[in-house]
């Protein structure tokens, strides 16, 4: 995936992002398949979640809707971070409420000789969204540099780990090559 972090790849499951294009997560089964490709959760846990989703398709559809709502809430917050701007007021408030609800279900426990976070009483169908929210919180609170693709009509976000924070493209093979080809075409056209 091009984002470099699971929460960034999650918001990039719409292509292009600006304006909103194809949604790569049209249902809960697609969310689970995507989670499996990213190794978001342990395969055995994903198998259990998949069995629950098959047994309760209406609950799975509601969990899918909540995950997509989270994705659409995360995008403006993460994009604002990429742009070095404060997030829009409404998404910021909704994001804060989502984080507060998540934190109420979390507790710190001593396990196997170390401290770890444990989430109590979460619907297993919401586990992928919970992991993605936790990843986004880590991005936003630990000083990571988020970038936004400079590609025309892209808008995808990525973790910018370049030395001088100069990464411009979600993928050099995709948007980067298209931009290079466009510049080459324009130079040849101007030379004629």
Protein backbone atom coordinates (compact mmCIF):
# COMPACT_ATOMS: atom_id res chain seq x y z
CA UNK A 1 0.00 0.00 0.00
CA UNK A 2 1.14 3.54 -0.65
CA UNK A 3 0.22 5.33 2.59
CA UNK A 4 2.88 3.80 4.81
CA UNK A 5 0.43 3.37 7.71
CA UNK A 6 -2.81 1.43 7.90
CA UNK A 7 -4.95 4.48 8.74
CA UNK A 8 -3.56 6.34 5.72
CA UNK A 9 -4.16 3.35 3.47
CA UNK A 10 -7.69 3.22 4.89
CA UNK A 11 -8.53 6.80 3.89
CA UNK A 12 -6.95 6.04 0.50
CA UNK A 13 -9.53 3.34 -0.26
CA UNK A 14 -11.37 5.90 -2.39
CA UNK A 15 -9.75 6.63 -5.75
CA UNK A 16 -9.46 9.39 -6.66
CA UNK A 17 -9.95 11.06 -3.31
CA UNK A 18 -10.67 14.48 -4.78
CA UNK A 19 -13.27 14.46 -6.16
CA UNK A 20 -14.48 11.28 -4.49
CA UNK A 21 -14.25 8.38 -6.88
CA UNK A 22 -14.46 4.59 -6.65
CA UNK A 23 -14.88 3.13 -3.16
CA UNK A 24 -12.74 0.01 -2.75
CA UNK A 25 -14.61 -1.01 0.41
CA UNK A 26 -18.22 -1.33 -0.78
CA UNK A 27 -19.23 -3.86 1.89
CA UNK A 28 -18.04 -5.58 5.05
CA UNK A 29 -16.52 -8.52 3.14
CA UNK A 30 -14.33 -6.07 1.20
CA UNK A 31 -13.29 -4.40 4.49
CA UNK A 32 -12.24 -7.78 5.89
CA UNK A 33 -10.39 -8.76 2.71
CA UNK A 34 -8.57 -5.42 2.76
CA UNK A 35 -7.77 -5.90 6.48
CA UNK A 36 -6.33 -9.30 5.68
CA UNK A 37 -4.10 -7.90 2.87
CA UNK A 38 -2.76 -5.26 5.25
CA UNK A 39 -2.35 -7.79 8.08
CA UNK A 40 -4.39 -5.41 10.20
CA UNK A 41 -5.36 -8.17 12.63
CA UNK A 42 -4.24 -11.70 13.34
CA UNK A 43 -5.57 -14.09 10.63
CA UNK A 44 -7.36 -16.23 13.24
CA UNK A 45 -9.13 -13.16 14.61
CA UNK A 46 -10.13 -12.12 11.09
CA UNK A 47 -11.50 -15.62 10.50
CA UNK A 48 -13.62 -15.35 13.66
CA UNK A 49 -14.84 -11.90 12.63
CA UNK A 50 -15.65 -13.20 9.15
CA UNK A 51 -17.73 -16.03 10.62
CA UNK A 52 -19.62 -13.52 12.80
CA UNK A 53 -20.23 -11.31 9.76
CA UNK A 54 -21.63 -14.24 7.78
CA UNK A 55 -23.88 -15.24 10.68
CA UNK A 56 -25.14 -11.66 11.19
CA UNK A 57 -25.16 -9.81 7.86
CA UNK A 58 -27.22 -6.90 9.22
CA UNK A 59 -24.77 -6.37 12.11
CA UNK A 60 -21.90 -6.61 9.62
CA UNK A 61 -23.58 -3.98 7.41
CA UNK A 62 -23.90 -1.64 10.41
CA UNK A 63 -20.24 -2.23 11.35
CA UNK A 64 -19.28 -1.50 7.74
CA UNK A 65 -21.26 1.75 7.82
CA UNK A 66 -19.49 2.77 11.06
CA UNK A 67 -16.08 1.97 9.52
CA UNK A 68 -16.85 4.05 6.43
CA UNK A 69 -18.09 6.91 8.63
CA UNK A 70 -14.77 6.70 10.49
CA UNK A 71 -12.86 6.76 7.20
CA UNK A 72 -14.74 9.85 6.01
CA UNK A 73 -14.15 11.49 9.39
CA UNK A 74 -10.43 10.66 9.38
CA UNK A 75 -9.76 12.02 5.91
CA UNK A 76 -10.34 15.76 6.62
CA UNK A 77 -8.51 15.49 9.96
CA UNK A 78 -5.48 13.73 8.44
CA UNK A 79 -5.56 15.94 5.35
CA UNK A 80 -5.47 19.05 7.53
CA UNK A 81 -2.41 17.62 9.26
CA UNK A 82 -0.81 17.02 5.85
CA UNK A 83 -1.59 20.61 4.85
CA UNK A 84 -0.21 21.98 8.14
CA UNK A 85 -3.60 23.46 8.93
CA UNK A 86 -6.08 23.05 11.76
CA UNK A 87 -8.80 20.52 10.98
CA UNK A 88 -12.23 21.76 9.98
CA UNK A 89 -14.35 22.42 13.09
CA UNK A 90 -17.13 19.91 12.50
CA UNK A 91 -14.90 16.90 11.66
CA UNK A 92 -12.59 17.85 14.55
CA UNK A 93 -15.49 17.76 17.03
CA UNK A 94 -16.83 14.48 15.66
CA UNK A 95 -13.31 12.99 15.69
CA UNK A 96 -12.84 14.07 19.29
CA UNK A 97 -16.13 12.37 20.26
CA UNK A 98 -15.12 9.18 18.43
CA UNK A 99 -11.77 9.14 20.24
CA UNK A 100 -13.46 9.73 23.61
CA UNK A 101 -15.82 6.80 22.99
CA UNK A 102 -12.84 4.63 22.00
CA UNK A 103 -10.82 5.65 25.05
CA UNK A 104 -13.68 4.82 27.44
CA UNK A 105 -13.39 1.20 26.33
CA UNK A 106 -9.62 1.02 26.74
CA UNK A 107 -7.69 0.14 29.88
CA UNK A 108 -4.06 -0.36 30.70
CA UNK A 109 -3.20 -3.90 31.84
CA UNK A 110 -0.05 -5.70 33.00
CA UNK A 111 0.41 -8.76 30.81
CA UNK A 112 3.39 -11.02 30.22
CA UNK A 113 5.80 -8.71 32.01
CA UNK A 114 4.79 -5.47 30.29
CA UNK A 115 2.06 -2.87 30.11
CA UNK A 116 -0.36 -3.07 27.22
CA UNK A 117 -3.65 -1.55 26.14
CA UNK A 118 -6.71 -3.77 26.25
CA UNK A 119 -10.04 -2.83 24.81
CA UNK A 120 -13.02 -4.15 26.68
CA UNK A 121 -16.47 -4.93 25.31
CA UNK A 122 -15.92 -3.97 21.70
CA UNK A 123 -18.13 -5.59 19.10
CA UNK A 124 -15.72 -7.89 17.25
CA UNK A 125 -17.17 -6.60 13.96
CA UNK A 126 -15.81 -3.14 14.91
CA UNK A 127 -12.25 -4.39 15.54
CA UNK A 128 -10.85 -3.31 12.15
CA UNK A 129 -12.17 0.23 12.66
CA UNK A 130 -10.84 0.27 16.23
CA UNK A 131 -7.33 -0.69 15.07
CA UNK A 132 -7.45 1.96 12.34
CA UNK A 133 -8.57 4.66 14.76
CA UNK A 134 -5.76 3.71 17.15
CA UNK A 135 -3.25 3.93 14.28
CA UNK A 136 -4.56 7.37 13.28
CA UNK A 137 -4.21 8.56 16.88
CA UNK A 138 -0.59 7.42 16.86
CA UNK A 139 0.03 9.37 13.66
CA UNK A 140 -1.56 12.55 14.94
CA UNK A 141 -0.06 12.54 18.42
CA UNK A 142 3.50 11.39 17.76
CA UNK A 143 4.73 14.09 15.39
CA UNK A 144 4.62 12.01 12.20
CA UNK A 145 4.76 13.96 8.94
CA UNK A 146 1.77 13.26 6.74
CA UNK A 147 1.95 14.26 3.09
CA UNK A 148 -0.72 14.69 0.43
CA UNK A 149 -0.16 13.52 -3.14
CA UNK A 150 0.46 16.34 -5.59
CA UNK A 151 -1.04 14.26 -8.36
CA UNK A 152 -3.85 15.82 -10.31
CA UNK A 153 -7.19 14.55 -8.94
CA UNK A 154 -5.56 12.20 -6.42
CA UNK A 155 -5.61 13.54 -2.87
CA UNK A 156 -4.21 10.36 -1.31
CA UNK A 157 -2.28 10.73 1.94
CA UNK A 158 1.02 9.12 2.90
CA UNK A 159 3.59 9.00 5.67
CA UNK A 160 6.42 11.24 4.51
CA UNK A 161 9.61 9.64 5.78
CA UNK A 162 11.87 11.39 3.25
CA UNK A 163 14.87 13.07 4.84
CA UNK A 164 13.80 16.63 4.03
CA UNK A 165 10.04 15.92 3.81
CA UNK A 166 10.04 16.37 0.06
CA UNK A 167 7.98 13.37 -1.03
CA UNK A 168 5.30 14.56 -3.47
CA UNK A 169 3.53 11.46 -4.76
CA UNK A 170 1.48 8.69 -3.24
CA UNK A 171 3.35 6.43 -5.65
CA UNK A 172 6.11 7.21 -8.10
CA UNK A 173 4.81 4.38 -10.30
CA UNK A 174 1.35 5.95 -10.44
CA UNK A 175 0.90 9.68 -9.91
CA UNK A 176 4.62 10.43 -10.15
CA UNK A 177 5.00 8.82 -13.57
CA UNK A 178 1.81 10.47 -14.86
CA UNK A 179 3.14 13.88 -13.79
CA UNK A 180 6.53 13.19 -15.41
CA UNK A 181 4.85 12.07 -18.64
CA UNK A 182 2.61 15.16 -18.63
CA UNK A 183 5.62 17.48 -18.15
CA UNK A 184 7.51 15.67 -20.93
CA UNK A 185 4.53 16.00 -23.28
CA UNK A 186 4.15 19.71 -22.48
CA UNK A 187 7.88 20.38 -23.07
CA UNK A 188 7.78 18.62 -26.45
CA UNK A 189 4.61 20.44 -27.40
CA UNK A 190 6.10 23.81 -26.41
CA UNK A 191 9.26 23.05 -28.42
CA UNK A 192 7.26 22.49 -31.62
